[in-house]
């Protein structure tokens, strides 16, 4: 409303059109606007290089990624991590490992670590969450696209950085992280990946 004060009619109409566009996106058309005809274009490398959805919260990012994952053809492949408390925690007299079952460890979602359950399909876009090989540009934040899904490795094609088009194999990794909100260190063995169609604004920086 403030933008229309003192403006001529053409500027007012442009402002109203922009406001309507924002409202339409808020009603659920954002995914189609950013990723139009995704099933026809997802094998085009430049298609994903030019677009991404930014959101303020991880919960919104997860919802968008899940909705786009469902659009892809083919069967989902589910990868579950193995989690354990680091041995160094057992030297503390006041630490009781029995309080933290496998279900508790599996349910932990920590920034910088892949989730316990990773669901992928061939063709989806992912992001590396760890540095694997800096020389070949396999670094935290690199965006590969899934080519094949194996039991022990995932084949992907790099679509960002200096090695665009190169194929790489991503293994499971044992990742350890200490978080102030969690009173112990734990280790998660999982593919260092997350579905990437949307990301938090903080991550994009």
C-alpha atoms as a PDB file:
ATOM      1  CA  UNK A   1       0.000   0.000   0.000  1.00  0.00           C
ATOM      2  CA  UNK A   2       2.843   2.396   0.807  1.00  0.00           C
ATOM      3  CA  UNK A   3       4.397   1.768  -2.618  1.00  0.00           C
ATOM      4  CA  UNK A   4       1.278   3.099  -4.363  1.00  0.00           C
ATOM      5  CA  UNK A   5       1.253   6.483  -2.619  1.00  0.00           C
ATOM      6  CA  UNK A   6       2.126   9.305  -5.019  1.00  0.00           C
ATOM      7  CA  UNK A   7       2.642   6.944  -7.988  1.00  0.00           C
ATOM      8  CA  UNK A   8       1.069   7.120 -11.392  1.00  0.00           C
ATOM      9  CA  UNK A   9      -1.439   4.522 -12.561  1.00  0.00           C
ATOM     10  CA  UNK A  10       1.066   2.366 -14.495  1.00  0.00           C
ATOM     11  CA  UNK A  11       3.365   2.046 -11.455  1.00  0.00           C
ATOM     12  CA  UNK A  12       0.394   1.199  -9.250  1.00  0.00           C
ATOM     13  CA  UNK A  13      -0.667  -1.571 -11.625  1.00  0.00           C
ATOM     14  CA  UNK A  14       2.868  -3.011 -11.718  1.00  0.00           C
ATOM     15  CA  UNK A  15       3.002  -2.989  -7.912  1.00  0.00           C
ATOM     16  CA  UNK A  16      -0.368  -4.741  -7.666  1.00  0.00           C
ATOM     17  CA  UNK A  17       0.687  -7.354 -10.234  1.00  0.00           C
ATOM     18  CA  UNK A  18       3.845  -8.034  -8.242  1.00  0.00           C
ATOM     19  CA  UNK A  19       1.858  -8.323  -5.011  1.00  0.00           C
ATOM     20  CA  UNK A  20      -0.550 -10.788  -6.666  1.00  0.00           C
ATOM     21  CA  UNK A  21       2.422 -12.825  -7.945  1.00  0.00           C
ATOM     22  CA  UNK A  22       3.825 -13.054  -4.417  1.00  0.00           C
ATOM     23  CA  UNK A  23       0.450 -14.184  -3.067  1.00  0.00           C
ATOM     24  CA  UNK A  24       0.128 -16.823  -5.810  1.00  0.00           C
ATOM     25  CA  UNK A  25       3.547 -18.218  -4.884  1.00  0.00           C
ATOM     26  CA  UNK A  26       2.445 -18.362  -1.264  1.00  0.00           C
ATOM     27  CA  UNK A  27      -0.562 -20.446  -2.312  1.00  0.00           C
ATOM     28  CA  UNK A  28       1.604 -23.293  -3.599  1.00  0.00           C
ATOM     29  CA  UNK A  29       2.771 -22.361  -7.081  1.00  0.00           C
ATOM     30  CA  UNK A  30       6.371 -21.686  -6.014  1.00  0.00           C
ATOM     31  CA  UNK A  31       7.674 -25.152  -6.947  1.00  0.00           C
ATOM     32  CA  UNK A  32       6.189 -25.026 -10.432  1.00  0.00           C
ATOM     33  CA  UNK A  33       7.465 -21.469 -10.897  1.00  0.00           C
ATOM     34  CA  UNK A  34      11.081 -22.324  -9.977  1.00  0.00           C
ATOM     35  CA  UNK A  35      11.119 -25.838 -11.483  1.00  0.00           C
ATOM     36  CA  UNK A  36       8.805 -25.731 -14.527  1.00  0.00           C
ATOM     37  CA  UNK A  37       8.517 -28.969 -16.543  1.00  0.00           C
ATOM     38  CA  UNK A  38      11.065 -30.618 -14.254  1.00  0.00           C
ATOM     39  CA  UNK A  39      10.392 -34.146 -15.518  1.00  0.00           C
ATOM     40  CA  UNK A  40      11.175 -33.115 -19.092  1.00  0.00           C
ATOM     41  CA  UNK A  41      14.287 -31.075 -18.283  1.00  0.00           C
ATOM     42  CA  UNK A  42      16.008 -32.634 -15.268  1.00  0.00           C
ATOM     43  CA  UNK A  43      18.725 -34.329 -17.375  1.00  0.00           C
ATOM     44  CA  UNK A  44      19.775 -30.923 -18.716  1.00  0.00           C
ATOM     45  CA  UNK A  45      22.715 -29.846 -16.527  1.00  0.00           C
ATOM     46  CA  UNK A  46      22.086 -26.123 -16.962  1.00  0.00           C
ATOM     47  CA  UNK A  47      18.475 -26.536 -15.800  1.00  0.00           C
ATOM     48  CA  UNK A  48      19.526 -27.058 -12.160  1.00  0.00           C
ATOM     49  CA  UNK A  49      22.451 -24.632 -12.329  1.00  0.00           C
ATOM     50  CA  UNK A  50      20.077 -21.723 -12.804  1.00  0.00           C
ATOM     51  CA  UNK A  51      17.575 -22.346 -10.022  1.00  0.00           C
ATOM     52  CA  UNK A  52      17.017 -23.177  -6.372  1.00  0.00           C
ATOM     53  CA  UNK A  53      14.412 -22.432  -3.728  1.00  0.00           C
ATOM     54  CA  UNK A  54      15.548 -20.613  -0.580  1.00  0.00           C
ATOM     55  CA  UNK A  55      13.594 -20.945   2.648  1.00  0.00           C
ATOM     56  CA  UNK A  56      14.132 -19.594   6.175  1.00  0.00           C
ATOM     57  CA  UNK A  57      13.669 -22.876   8.094  1.00  0.00           C
ATOM     58  CA  UNK A  58      14.861 -26.464   7.725  1.00  0.00           C
ATOM     59  CA  UNK A  59      11.280 -27.712   8.146  1.00  0.00           C
ATOM     60  CA  UNK A  60      10.160 -25.803   5.043  1.00  0.00           C
ATOM     61  CA  UNK A  61      13.203 -26.989   3.095  1.00  0.00           C
ATOM     62  CA  UNK A  62      12.418 -30.600   3.997  1.00  0.00           C
ATOM     63  CA  UNK A  63       8.794 -30.244   2.905  1.00  0.00           C
ATOM     64  CA  UNK A  64       9.746 -28.773  -0.491  1.00  0.00           C
ATOM     65  CA  UNK A  65      12.431 -31.402  -1.096  1.00  0.00           C
ATOM     66  CA  UNK A  66      10.018 -34.213  -0.221  1.00  0.00           C
ATOM     67  CA  UNK A  67       7.356 -32.888  -2.586  1.00  0.00           C
ATOM     68  CA  UNK A  68       9.801 -32.623  -5.485  1.00  0.00           C
ATOM     69  CA  UNK A  69      11.258 -36.064  -4.758  1.00  0.00           C
ATOM     70  CA  UNK A  70       7.778 -37.567  -5.171  1.00  0.00           C
ATOM     71  CA  UNK A  71       7.485 -36.046  -8.646  1.00  0.00           C
ATOM     72  CA  UNK A  72      10.405 -38.086  -9.990  1.00  0.00           C
ATOM     73  CA  UNK A  73       9.706 -41.433 -11.676  1.00  0.00           C
ATOM     74  CA  UNK A  74      11.186 -44.694 -10.462  1.00  0.00           C
ATOM     75  CA  UNK A  75      11.494 -46.385  -7.104  1.00  0.00           C
ATOM     76  CA  UNK A  76      12.777 -44.700  -3.986  1.00  0.00           C
ATOM     77  CA  UNK A  77      15.933 -46.118  -2.430  1.00  0.00           C
ATOM     78  CA  UNK A  78      16.181 -45.735   1.328  1.00  0.00           C
ATOM     79  CA  UNK A  79      19.537 -45.570   3.119  1.00  0.00           C
ATOM     80  CA  UNK A  80      19.628 -45.868   6.907  1.00  0.00           C
ATOM     81  CA  UNK A  81      22.598 -44.747   8.968  1.00  0.00           C
ATOM     82  CA  UNK A  82      24.318 -46.494  11.847  1.00  0.00           C
ATOM     83  CA  UNK A  83      24.810 -44.359  14.951  1.00  0.00           C
ATOM     84  CA  UNK A  84      26.918 -44.769  18.054  1.00  0.00           C
ATOM     85  CA  UNK A  85      28.137 -42.686  20.958  1.00  0.00           C
ATOM     86  CA  UNK A  86      31.835 -41.867  20.744  1.00  0.00           C
ATOM     87  CA  UNK A  87      34.027 -43.978  23.029  1.00  0.00           C
ATOM     88  CA  UNK A  88      35.551 -40.853  24.595  1.00  0.00           C
ATOM     89  CA  UNK A  89      32.225 -40.154  26.298  1.00  0.00           C
ATOM     90  CA  UNK A  90      32.470 -43.329  28.376  1.00  0.00           C
ATOM     91  CA  UNK A  91      35.400 -41.972  30.434  1.00  0.00           C
ATOM     92  CA  UNK A  92      33.091 -39.478  32.137  1.00  0.00           C
ATOM     93  CA  UNK A  93      31.764 -40.814  35.421  1.00  0.00           C
ATOM     94  CA  UNK A  94      28.474 -38.935  35.109  1.00  0.00           C
ATOM     95  CA  UNK A  95      27.674 -40.120  31.584  1.00  0.00           C
ATOM     96  CA  UNK A  96      25.156 -42.931  31.297  1.00  0.00           C
ATOM     97  CA  UNK A  97      25.032 -44.328  27.752  1.00  0.00           C
ATOM     98  CA  UNK A  98      21.964 -46.418  28.624  1.00  0.00           C
ATOM     99  CA  UNK A  99      19.882 -43.245  28.537  1.00  0.00           C
ATOM    100  CA  UNK A 100      20.440 -42.935  24.789  1.00  0.00           C
ATOM    101  CA  UNK A 101      18.977 -45.827  22.825  1.00  0.00           C
ATOM    102  CA  UNK A 102      19.455 -46.394  19.104  1.00  0.00           C
ATOM    103  CA  UNK A 103      16.035 -44.833  18.484  1.00  0.00           C
ATOM    104  CA  UNK A 104      17.166 -41.657  20.240  1.00  0.00           C
ATOM    105  CA  UNK A 105      20.403 -41.485  18.237  1.00  0.00           C
ATOM    106  CA  UNK A 106      18.580 -42.218  14.980  1.00  0.00           C
ATOM    107  CA  UNK A 107      16.151 -39.399  15.644  1.00  0.00           C
ATOM    108  CA  UNK A 108      18.817 -36.746  16.140  1.00  0.00           C
ATOM    109  CA  UNK A 109      18.885 -34.108  13.412  1.00  0.00           C
ATOM    110  CA  UNK A 110      22.012 -31.974  13.612  1.00  0.00           C
ATOM    111  CA  UNK A 111      23.125 -29.237  11.246  1.00  0.00           C
ATOM    112  CA  UNK A 112      25.982 -30.469   9.085  1.00  0.00           C
ATOM    113  CA  UNK A 113      25.101 -34.150   9.417  1.00  0.00           C
ATOM    114  CA  UNK A 114      22.935 -36.199   7.051  1.00  0.00           C
ATOM    115  CA  UNK A 115      19.710 -37.493   8.533  1.00  0.00           C
ATOM    116  CA  UNK A 116      19.382 -41.075   9.719  1.00  0.00           C
ATOM    117  CA  UNK A 117      17.076 -41.852   6.799  1.00  0.00           C
ATOM    118  CA  UNK A 118      18.142 -40.703   3.345  1.00  0.00           C
ATOM    119  CA  UNK A 119      15.648 -41.302   0.521  1.00  0.00           C
ATOM    120  CA  UNK A 120      16.829 -40.856  -3.072  1.00  0.00           C
ATOM    121  CA  UNK A 121      15.784 -41.508  -6.661  1.00  0.00           C
ATOM    122  CA  UNK A 122      17.810 -41.515  -9.853  1.00  0.00           C
ATOM    123  CA  UNK A 123      17.907 -38.007 -11.334  1.00  0.00           C
ATOM    124  CA  UNK A 124      17.364 -36.038  -8.118  1.00  0.00           C
ATOM    125  CA  UNK A 125      19.650 -33.194  -7.140  1.00  0.00           C
ATOM    126  CA  UNK A 126      21.697 -33.554  -3.960  1.00  0.00           C
ATOM    127  CA  UNK A 127      24.268 -31.543  -2.033  1.00  0.00           C
ATOM    128  CA  UNK A 128      27.478 -32.746  -0.417  1.00  0.00           C
ATOM    129  CA  UNK A 129      27.572 -32.102   3.326  1.00  0.00           C
ATOM    130  CA  UNK A 130      31.294 -32.832   3.729  1.00  0.00           C
ATOM    131  CA  UNK A 131      34.570 -32.299   1.897  1.00  0.00           C
ATOM    132  CA  UNK A 132      35.448 -35.544   0.100  1.00  0.00           C
ATOM    133  CA  UNK A 133      38.078 -34.532  -2.455  1.00  0.00           C
ATOM    134  CA  UNK A 134      38.863 -30.831  -2.714  1.00  0.00           C
ATOM    135  CA  UNK A 135      41.172 -31.340  -5.707  1.00  0.00           C
ATOM    136  CA  UNK A 136      38.227 -32.667  -7.722  1.00  0.00           C
ATOM    137  CA  UNK A 137      35.835 -30.058  -6.296  1.00  0.00           C
ATOM    138  CA  UNK A 138      33.975 -32.568  -4.137  1.00  0.00           C
ATOM    139  CA  UNK A 139      33.488 -30.142  -1.286  1.00  0.00           C
ATOM    140  CA  UNK A 140      30.813 -29.192   1.188  1.00  0.00           C
ATOM    141  CA  UNK A 141      28.132 -27.430  -0.862  1.00  0.00           C
ATOM    142  CA  UNK A 142      28.932 -29.075  -4.207  1.00  0.00           C
ATOM    143  CA  UNK A 143      25.778 -30.039  -6.133  1.00  0.00           C
ATOM    144  CA  UNK A 144      25.813 -33.442  -7.851  1.00  0.00           C
ATOM    145  CA  UNK A 145      22.913 -35.170  -9.586  1.00  0.00           C
ATOM    146  CA  UNK A 146      22.269 -38.833  -8.822  1.00  0.00           C
ATOM    147  CA  UNK A 147      23.047 -41.193 -11.718  1.00  0.00           C
ATOM    148  CA  UNK A 148      22.837 -44.600 -10.031  1.00  0.00           C
ATOM    149  CA  UNK A 149      22.103 -45.900  -6.545  1.00  0.00           C
ATOM    150  CA  UNK A 150      24.206 -48.779  -5.231  1.00  0.00           C
ATOM    151  CA  UNK A 151      24.346 -50.420  -1.820  1.00  0.00           C
ATOM    152  CA  UNK A 152      27.815 -49.101  -0.965  1.00  0.00           C
ATOM    153  CA  UNK A 153      28.334 -46.152  -3.317  1.00  0.00           C
ATOM    154  CA  UNK A 154      26.216 -43.591  -5.125  1.00  0.00           C
ATOM    155  CA  UNK A 155      27.234 -42.457  -8.607  1.00  0.00           C
ATOM    156  CA  UNK A 156      26.590 -38.811  -9.360  1.00  0.00           C
ATOM    157  CA  UNK A 157      27.328 -36.168 -12.005  1.00  0.00           C
ATOM    158  CA  UNK A 158      28.708 -32.829 -10.817  1.00  0.00           C
ATOM    159  CA  UNK A 159      26.681 -29.834 -12.002  1.00  0.00           C
ATOM    160  CA  UNK A 160      28.486 -27.007 -10.181  1.00  0.00           C
ATOM    161  CA  UNK A 161      32.034 -25.766  -9.731  1.00  0.00           C
ATOM    162  CA  UNK A 162      34.987 -26.366 -12.049  1.00  0.00           C
ATOM    163  CA  UNK A 163      34.340 -30.031 -12.878  1.00  0.00           C
ATOM    164  CA  UNK A 164      30.843 -29.775 -14.336  1.00  0.00           C
ATOM    165  CA  UNK A 165      29.836 -32.988 -16.097  1.00  0.00           C
ATOM    166  CA  UNK A 166      32.365 -35.223 -14.319  1.00  0.00           C
ATOM    167  CA  UNK A 167      31.063 -38.429 -12.766  1.00  0.00           C
ATOM    168  CA  UNK A 168      32.044 -39.375  -9.233  1.00  0.00           C
ATOM    169  CA  UNK A 169      31.344 -42.131  -6.707  1.00  0.00           C
ATOM    170  CA  UNK A 170      30.262 -41.097  -3.225  1.00  0.00           C
ATOM    171  CA  UNK A 171      30.823 -43.590  -0.374  1.00  0.00           C
ATOM    172  CA  UNK A 172      29.372 -43.751   3.088  1.00  0.00           C
ATOM    173  CA  UNK A 173      31.393 -41.841   5.655  1.00  0.00           C
ATOM    174  CA  UNK A 174      31.706 -41.956   9.429  1.00  0.00           C
ATOM    175  CA  UNK A 175      30.915 -38.425  10.569  1.00  0.00           C
ATOM    176  CA  UNK A 176      31.437 -37.156  14.097  1.00  0.00           C
ATOM    177  CA  UNK A 177      29.977 -33.932  15.361  1.00  0.00           C
ATOM    178  CA  UNK A 178      29.617 -32.280  18.732  1.00  0.00           C
ATOM    179  CA  UNK A 179      26.629 -30.012  19.184  1.00  0.00           C
ATOM    180  CA  UNK A 180      26.075 -27.692  22.150  1.00  0.00           C
ATOM    181  CA  UNK A 181      22.431 -28.758  22.345  1.00  0.00           C
ATOM    182  CA  UNK A 182      23.451 -32.428  22.692  1.00  0.00           C
ATOM    183  CA  UNK A 183      25.402 -33.383  25.860  1.00  0.00           C
ATOM    184  CA  UNK A 184      27.673 -35.906  24.097  1.00  0.00           C
ATOM    185  CA  UNK A 185      29.534 -36.619  20.868  1.00  0.00           C
ATOM    186  CA  UNK A 186      28.174 -39.260  18.545  1.00  0.00           C
ATOM    187  CA  UNK A 187      29.146 -40.804  15.249  1.00  0.00           C
ATOM    188  CA  UNK A 188      26.871 -41.324  12.257  1.00  0.00           C
ATOM    189  CA  UNK A 189      27.837 -43.499   9.293  1.00  0.00           C
ATOM    190  CA  UNK A 190      25.849 -42.375   6.269  1.00  0.00           C
ATOM    191  CA  UNK A 191      26.218 -40.979   2.767  1.00  0.00           C
ATOM    192  CA  UNK A 192      27.176 -37.277   3.234  1.00  0.00           C
ATOM    193  CA  UNK A 193      24.266 -36.112   1.085  1.00  0.00           C
ATOM    194  CA  UNK A 194      20.977 -34.323   1.303  1.00  0.00           C
ATOM    195  CA  UNK A 195      18.323 -33.674  -1.329  1.00  0.00           C
ATOM    196  CA  UNK A 196      18.959 -30.186  -2.619  1.00  0.00           C
ATOM    197  CA  UNK A 197      16.014 -28.672  -4.566  1.00  0.00           C
ATOM    198  CA  UNK A 198      15.569 -26.240  -1.685  1.00  0.00           C
ATOM    199  CA  UNK A 199      17.998 -24.994   0.945  1.00  0.00           C
ATOM    200  CA  UNK A 200      18.034 -22.582   3.843  1.00  0.00           C
ATOM    201  CA  UNK A 201      19.033 -18.996   3.177  1.00  0.00           C
ATOM    202  CA  UNK A 202      21.924 -19.458   5.613  1.00  0.00           C
ATOM    203  CA  UNK A 203      23.239 -22.489   3.689  1.00  0.00           C
ATOM    204  CA  UNK A 204      23.077 -20.649   0.374  1.00  0.00           C
ATOM    205  CA  UNK A 205      25.504 -18.009   1.686  1.00  0.00           C
END
